[in-house]
Amino acid sequence: MQALHDVVRAGYVRYIGMSSCYAWQFHAMQNYAIANKLTPFISMQNHYSLVYREEEHEMLPTLKYFGVGSIPWSPLARGLLTRPLTEKTARGNTDLLIGRYLGGAGTEEIVRRVEEVAKKHGISMAQVSVAWTLSKHEVTAPIVGTTSLKNLEDIIEGAKVTLTPEEIKYLEEPYKPQEIIGHS
């Protein structure tokens, strides 16, 4: 934490954040910074999407406690939440990590429900997924990746979509807790 503080004091960066850890690790480091009058974290890059919500148990409440923003990575679950399950892509066929999502109980039903809500609104599944992510008050902004400008423009439109509380509940309902993904 001292080294990160020194980088801020030297003017190389304005703020610091942390990525993909357990809540207890974040809590310990944040408390250390505060207790020693060092620069605290202002953000957490964490793994969070409709098909991976383990951060809700401990990390998101911890971030709220410290007033730290969440900027989740993979809110589209490596593209899984952007198209129907029957639609195959080269990446979907070769990306081994997508299989970890598909192994989760409830994942396929969540993807089907995202498709259903998207059709109801006349928007893309990516927009529904981004809208859901942004509906969480702990989320400052999602980190998205894409292979084309067209896809990026579509994803950005998701920021304009507001889901009803009933739609949010409907999308979340099939989720089942799973093992931690993304912490090394």
Foldseek 3Di string as FASTA:
>chain_A
DVVVQVCCVVPVDPADAEEADDLVVLVVVQVVCVVVVGGHHQEYAYADELLAHPCVPHPLVSCVVVNHAYAYECRCLQVLQFDQPVDDDPCNVPVPSSVVSVPFFLSNVLSVLLVVVCVVVVATSLLSGLQLQVVDPRHPHYDDDDDDPVVVVSNVCSVVDHDDPVSSCSSNVRHDDDDDPDHD
